[in-house]
C-alpha atoms as a PDB file:
ATOM      1  CA  MET A   1      24.657 186.158 -29.688  1.00  0.00           C
ATOM      2  CA  MET A   2      24.393 182.617 -29.186  1.00  0.00           C
ATOM      3  CA  ILE A   3      22.378 180.116 -31.165  1.00  0.00           C
ATOM      4  CA  ARG A   4      21.933 176.979 -28.769  1.00  0.00           C
ATOM      5  CA  GLU A   5      19.367 174.266 -29.060  1.00  0.00           C
ATOM      6  CA  ALA A   6      15.601 175.122 -28.860  1.00  0.00           C
ATOM      7  CA  THR A   7      13.589 174.098 -25.826  1.00  0.00           C
ATOM      8  CA  GLY A   8      10.348 174.260 -25.220  1.00  0.00           C
ATOM      9  CA  ALA A   9      11.242 176.779 -22.376  1.00  0.00           C
ATOM     10  CA  ASP A  10      12.494 179.104 -25.084  1.00  0.00           C
ATOM     11  CA  TRP A  11       8.785 178.808 -26.842  1.00  0.00           C
ATOM     12  CA  PRO A  12       7.241 181.921 -24.626  1.00  0.00           C
ATOM     13  CA  GLY A  13      10.861 183.879 -25.702  1.00  0.00           C
ATOM     14  CA  VAL A  14      10.552 183.244 -29.307  1.00  0.00           C
ATOM     15  CA  TRP A  15       6.378 183.370 -29.773  1.00  0.00           C
ATOM     16  CA  PRO A  16       4.743 186.889 -28.634  1.00  0.00           C
ATOM     17  CA  PHE A  17       7.578 188.291 -32.001  1.00  0.00           C
ATOM     18  CA  MET A  18       6.525 185.135 -34.424  1.00  0.00           C
ATOM     19  CA  ARG A  19       2.939 186.046 -33.419  1.00  0.00           C
ATOM     20  CA  GLU A  20       3.507 189.405 -34.692  1.00  0.00           C
ATOM     21  CA  ILE A  21       5.307 188.380 -37.724  1.00  0.00           C
ATOM     22  CA  VAL A  22       2.254 185.885 -38.688  1.00  0.00           C
ATOM     23  CA  ALA A  23      -0.109 188.380 -37.757  1.00  0.00           C
ATOM     24  CA  ALA A  24       1.640 191.180 -39.825  1.00  0.00           C
ATOM     25  CA  GLY A  25       0.427 189.098 -42.802  1.00  0.00           C
ATOM     26  CA  GLU A  26       3.838 189.842 -44.910  1.00  0.00           C
ATOM     27  CA  THR A  27       6.748 187.210 -44.897  1.00  0.00           C
ATOM     28  CA  TYR A  28       5.202 183.967 -44.035  1.00  0.00           C
ATOM     29  CA  THR A  29       2.171 182.044 -45.798  1.00  0.00           C
ATOM     30  CA  TYR A  30       1.515 180.885 -42.451  1.00  0.00           C
ATOM     31  CA  PRO A  31      -3.056 181.887 -42.001  1.00  0.00           C
ATOM     32  CA  ARG A  32      -2.252 185.293 -39.971  1.00  0.00           C
ATOM     33  CA  ASP A  33      -4.902 184.203 -37.324  1.00  0.00           C
ATOM     34  CA  LEU A  34      -2.273 181.252 -36.777  1.00  0.00           C
ATOM     35  CA  GLY A  35      -2.974 179.740 -32.561  1.00  0.00           C
ATOM     36  CA  GLU A  36      -0.475 179.144 -29.947  1.00  0.00           C
ATOM     37  CA  ASP A  37      -0.169 175.378 -29.727  1.00  0.00           C
ATOM     38  CA  ARG A  38      -0.333 174.906 -33.554  1.00  0.00           C
ATOM     39  CA  ALA A  39       2.806 177.578 -34.106  1.00  0.00           C
ATOM     40  CA  ARG A  40       4.200 175.920 -31.693  1.00  0.00           C
ATOM     41  CA  GLU A  41       3.388 172.578 -33.438  1.00  0.00           C
ATOM     42  CA  MET A  42       5.186 173.866 -36.295  1.00  0.00           C
ATOM     43  CA  TRP A  43       8.604 175.531 -35.205  1.00  0.00           C
ATOM     44  CA  MET A  44       9.023 173.279 -31.728  1.00  0.00           C
ATOM     45  CA  LEU A  45      10.491 170.605 -35.129  1.00  0.00           C
ATOM     46  CA  ALA A  46      12.422 167.342 -33.426  1.00  0.00           C
ATOM     47  CA  ALA A  47      14.547 165.372 -35.869  1.00  0.00           C
ATOM     48  CA  PRO A  48      15.575 165.228 -38.361  1.00  0.00           C
ATOM     49  CA  GLY A  49      14.424 168.105 -38.085  1.00  0.00           C
ATOM     50  CA  ARG A  50      16.102 171.129 -35.208  1.00  0.00           C
ATOM     51  CA  THR A  51      15.066 174.153 -33.968  1.00  0.00           C
ATOM     52  CA  VAL A  52      17.651 177.163 -32.623  1.00  0.00           C
ATOM     53  CA  VAL A  53      17.301 180.261 -31.090  1.00  0.00           C
ATOM     54  CA  ALA A  54      19.288 183.276 -30.753  1.00  0.00           C
ATOM     55  CA  VAL A  55      20.030 184.318 -27.339  1.00  0.00           C
ATOM     56  CA  GLY A  56      21.807 187.608 -26.669  1.00  0.00           C
ATOM     57  CA  ASP A  57      24.181 188.427 -23.416  1.00  0.00           C
ATOM     58  CA  ASP A  58      21.265 189.607 -21.790  1.00  0.00           C
ATOM     59  CA  GLY A  59      19.766 186.258 -22.007  1.00  0.00           C
ATOM     60  CA  ALA A  60      16.791 187.539 -24.839  1.00  0.00           C
ATOM     61  CA  ILE A  61      15.729 185.867 -27.901  1.00  0.00           C
ATOM     62  CA  LEU A  62      16.892 187.205 -30.647  1.00  0.00           C
ATOM     63  CA  GLY A  63      15.239 185.408 -32.963  1.00  0.00           C
ATOM     64  CA  THR A  64      15.297 181.340 -34.131  1.00  0.00           C
ATOM     65  CA  ALA A  65      15.330 179.140 -36.780  1.00  0.00           C
ATOM     66  CA  LYS A  66      14.066 175.690 -37.497  1.00  0.00           C
ATOM     67  CA  MET A  67      15.553 173.747 -39.834  1.00  0.00           C
ATOM     68  CA  ASN A  68      14.195 170.226 -41.551  1.00  0.00           C
ATOM     69  CA  PRO A  69      14.949 167.657 -44.751  1.00  0.00           C
ATOM     70  CA  ASN A  70      12.659 170.345 -47.928  1.00  0.00           C
ATOM     71  CA  HIS A  71      10.878 166.719 -48.805  1.00  0.00           C
ATOM     72  CA  MET A  72      10.834 162.702 -47.938  1.00  0.00           C
ATOM     73  CA  GLY A  73      12.193 159.917 -49.593  1.00  0.00           C
ATOM     74  CA  GLY A  74      13.987 160.346 -52.968  1.00  0.00           C
ATOM     75  CA  SER A  75      13.897 164.352 -52.187  1.00  0.00           C
ATOM     76  CA  SER A  76      15.632 164.474 -48.843  1.00  0.00           C
ATOM     77  CA  HIS A  77      19.116 164.957 -49.193  1.00  0.00           C
ATOM     78  CA  ILE A  78      18.771 168.888 -49.509  1.00  0.00           C
ATOM     79  CA  ALA A  79      17.596 171.161 -46.350  1.00  0.00           C
ATOM     80  CA  SER A  80      15.199 173.583 -45.756  1.00  0.00           C
ATOM     81  CA  ALA A  81      14.571 176.135 -42.846  1.00  0.00           C
ATOM     82  CA  SER A  82      12.920 178.862 -42.379  1.00  0.00           C
ATOM     83  CA  PHE A  83      14.114 182.216 -39.643  1.00  0.00           C
ATOM     84  CA  MET A  84      12.356 184.651 -37.651  1.00  0.00           C
ATOM     85  CA  VAL A  85      13.634 187.355 -36.099  1.00  0.00           C
ATOM     86  CA  ASP A  86      12.280 189.417 -33.071  1.00  0.00           C
ATOM     87  CA  ALA A  87      11.845 192.990 -34.748  1.00  0.00           C
ATOM     88  CA  ARG A  88      13.594 194.742 -31.994  1.00  0.00           C
ATOM     89  CA  HIS A  89      17.042 193.708 -32.577  1.00  0.00           C
ATOM     90  CA  ALA A  90      16.284 193.292 -36.399  1.00  0.00           C
ATOM     91  CA  GLY A  91      19.537 194.952 -38.282  1.00  0.00           C
ATOM     92  CA  HIS A  92      22.064 194.035 -35.618  1.00  0.00           C
ATOM     93  CA  GLY A  93      22.964 190.352 -37.445  1.00  0.00           C
ATOM     94  CA  THR A  94      20.779 188.214 -36.144  1.00  0.00           C
ATOM     95  CA  GLY A  95      19.290 186.981 -39.318  1.00  0.00           C
ATOM     96  CA  ARG A  96      22.740 186.754 -40.985  1.00  0.00           C
ATOM     97  CA  ALA A  97      24.183 184.701 -37.750  1.00  0.00           C
ATOM     98  CA  LEU A  98      20.883 182.106 -37.699  1.00  0.00           C
ATOM     99  CA  GLY A  99      21.545 181.384 -41.896  1.00  0.00           C
ATOM    100  CA  GLU A 100      25.104 180.865 -41.222  1.00  0.00           C
ATOM    101  CA  HIS A 101      24.297 178.455 -38.868  1.00  0.00           C
ATOM    102  CA  VAL A 102      22.102 176.562 -40.497  1.00  0.00           C
ATOM    103  CA  LEU A 103      24.425 176.189 -43.481  1.00  0.00           C
ATOM    104  CA  GLU A 104      26.233 175.164 -40.876  1.00  0.00           C
ATOM    105  CA  TRP A 105      24.065 172.517 -39.633  1.00  0.00           C
ATOM    106  CA  ALA A 106      22.742 171.060 -43.712  1.00  0.00           C
ATOM    107  CA  ARG A 107      26.616 170.210 -44.455  1.00  0.00           C
ATOM    108  CA  GLY A 108      27.238 168.594 -41.549  1.00  0.00           C
ATOM    109  CA  GLU A 109      24.313 166.166 -42.081  1.00  0.00           C
ATOM    110  CA  GLY A 110      24.918 165.323 -45.036  1.00  0.00           C
ATOM    111  CA  TYR A 111      22.443 167.578 -47.242  1.00  0.00           C
ATOM    112  CA  ARG A 112      23.657 168.379 -50.184  1.00  0.00           C
ATOM    113  CA  ALA A 113      21.840 171.638 -51.287  1.00  0.00           C
ATOM    114  CA  MET A 114      19.052 174.086 -49.051  1.00  0.00           C
ATOM    115  CA  GLN A 115      15.400 175.332 -50.098  1.00  0.00           C
ATOM    116  CA  PHE A 116      13.221 178.075 -49.389  1.00  0.00           C
ATOM    117  CA  ASN A 117      10.465 177.015 -50.792  1.00  0.00           C
ATOM    118  CA  ALA A 118       8.536 180.257 -50.221  1.00  0.00           C
ATOM    119  CA  VAL A 119      10.471 183.818 -49.443  1.00  0.00           C
ATOM    120  CA  VAL A 120       7.880 186.669 -50.090  1.00  0.00           C
ATOM    121  CA  GLU A 121       9.667 189.031 -53.408  1.00  0.00           C
ATOM    122  CA  SER A 122       8.430 192.041 -51.614  1.00  0.00           C
ATOM    123  CA  ASN A 123      10.431 190.706 -48.050  1.00  0.00           C
ATOM    124  CA  THR A 124      13.554 192.846 -49.564  1.00  0.00           C
ATOM    125  CA  ARG A 125      15.806 191.891 -46.784  1.00  0.00           C
ATOM    126  CA  ALA A 126      15.532 188.119 -45.946  1.00  0.00           C
ATOM    127  CA  VAL A 127      16.581 188.081 -50.296  1.00  0.00           C
ATOM    128  CA  GLY A 128      19.516 190.340 -49.880  1.00  0.00           C
ATOM    129  CA  LEU A 129      20.515 187.891 -47.499  1.00  0.00           C
ATOM    130  CA  TRP A 130      20.183 184.845 -48.952  1.00  0.00           C
ATOM    131  CA  ARG A 131      21.147 185.856 -51.213  1.00  0.00           C
ATOM    132  CA  SER A 132      24.700 187.019 -49.527  1.00  0.00           C
ATOM    133  CA  LEU A 133      24.400 183.389 -48.417  1.00  0.00           C
ATOM    134  CA  GLY A 134      24.683 182.536 -51.686  1.00  0.00           C
ATOM    135  CA  PHE A 135      21.014 181.603 -53.091  1.00  0.00           C
ATOM    136  CA  ALA A 136      20.237 182.101 -56.085  1.00  0.00           C
ATOM    137  CA  VAL A 137      16.042 183.079 -57.230  1.00  0.00           C
ATOM    138  CA  MET A 138      15.568 179.862 -58.735  1.00  0.00           C
ATOM    139  CA  THR A 139      12.440 181.000 -60.284  1.00  0.00           C
ATOM    140  CA  THR A 140       9.181 183.235 -59.033  1.00  0.00           C
ATOM    141  CA  LEU A 141       5.845 182.427 -58.807  1.00  0.00           C
ATOM    142  CA  PRO A 142       3.966 185.571 -59.760  1.00  0.00           C
ATOM    143  CA  GLU A 143       1.149 186.366 -57.486  1.00  0.00           C
ATOM    144  CA  GLY A 144       2.275 183.546 -55.545  1.00  0.00           C
ATOM    145  CA  PHE A 145       1.647 185.281 -52.072  1.00  0.00           C
ATOM    146  CA  LEU A 146      -0.612 188.185 -51.047  1.00  0.00           C
ATOM    147  CA  HIS A 147       0.344 191.151 -49.050  1.00  0.00           C
ATOM    148  CA  PRO A 148      -2.278 193.112 -46.644  1.00  0.00           C
ATOM    149  CA  THR A 149      -0.900 196.151 -48.338  1.00  0.00           C
ATOM    150  CA  LEU A 150       0.918 195.613 -52.053  1.00  0.00           C
ATOM    151  CA  GLY A 151      -1.629 192.918 -52.661  1.00  0.00           C
ATOM    152  CA  TYR A 152      -0.454 189.863 -55.252  1.00  0.00           C
ATOM    153  CA  VAL A 153       3.838 189.620 -55.311  1.00  0.00           C
ATOM    154  CA  GLY A 154       5.799 186.684 -55.860  1.00  0.00           C
ATOM    155  CA  LEU A 155       7.462 184.233 -54.523  1.00  0.00           C
ATOM    156  CA  HIS A 156      10.426 183.589 -54.828  1.00  0.00           C
ATOM    157  CA  ILE A 157      12.236 179.827 -54.437  1.00  0.00           C
ATOM    158  CA  MET A 158      16.040 179.873 -53.543  1.00  0.00           C
ATOM    159  CA  TYR A 159      18.614 177.039 -53.851  1.00  0.00           C
ATOM    160  CA  ARG A 160      21.831 177.364 -52.608  1.00  0.00           C
ATOM    161  CA  ALA A 161      24.316 174.119 -53.362  1.00  0.00           C
ATOM    162  CA  LEU A 162      26.792 173.199 -50.192  1.00  0.00           C
END
């Protein structure tokens, strides 16, 4: 797999699986009926943010990540990122490769740490992946996320120094 900067031409390959993930309502705090135009605006970032795609040998987009300063001003030295992997390609290392890429990017850009603001507690695959990449759960907002089948579950804030 190759990870590269996303272009506008990649959007048609990202949107179908992003739409499925968001509509499922299990892992993102986005509205489940998020429209394509708004989704593209939120995901395809301009500098100082960055959006990448993971592309398979056959040219298929396997997943995507966006990375950006977590806050502005005096907290702009902390990075954040979001990730989506096409369910058809889950479990084959795409998320890990994107996570490692994002951490390398953040270090190279001079960020001091990375913070994930909203990792759904019941998303155990993601929580496990981030822990394996050195992130810790700093706190959990009890009942911070309304899962469509599990009801209210915790919302983790995860952190890793760079």
